[in-house]
Amino acid sequence: MGSFSIWHWLIVLVIILLIFGTKKLRNVGQDLGGAVKGFKDGLKEGEADVAKPAVGSSDAPVTPQATGRTVEGEQTKG
């Protein structure tokens, strides 16, 4: 009694189709698929940047440079 059968899910699907229509659901699916594809492309691009180091770079650790600006809400040392 605690789990839903296939008939429950089919009724829910029919109700969703009646409310939103197939065109709206297709557009939502395309938007979601495009967002996932863009996210994956961004991850691949980030991995490619990390995999190949810049030309002429040394193995010395990079220390951040102070810019003299304080970001709103940031606490300063002192």
Foldseek 3Di string as FASTA:
>chain_A
DPDDDPVVVVVVVVVVCVVQNPVNVVVVVVVVVVVVVVVVVVVVVVVVDVVDDDPPDDPDDDDDDDPPDDDVPDDDDD
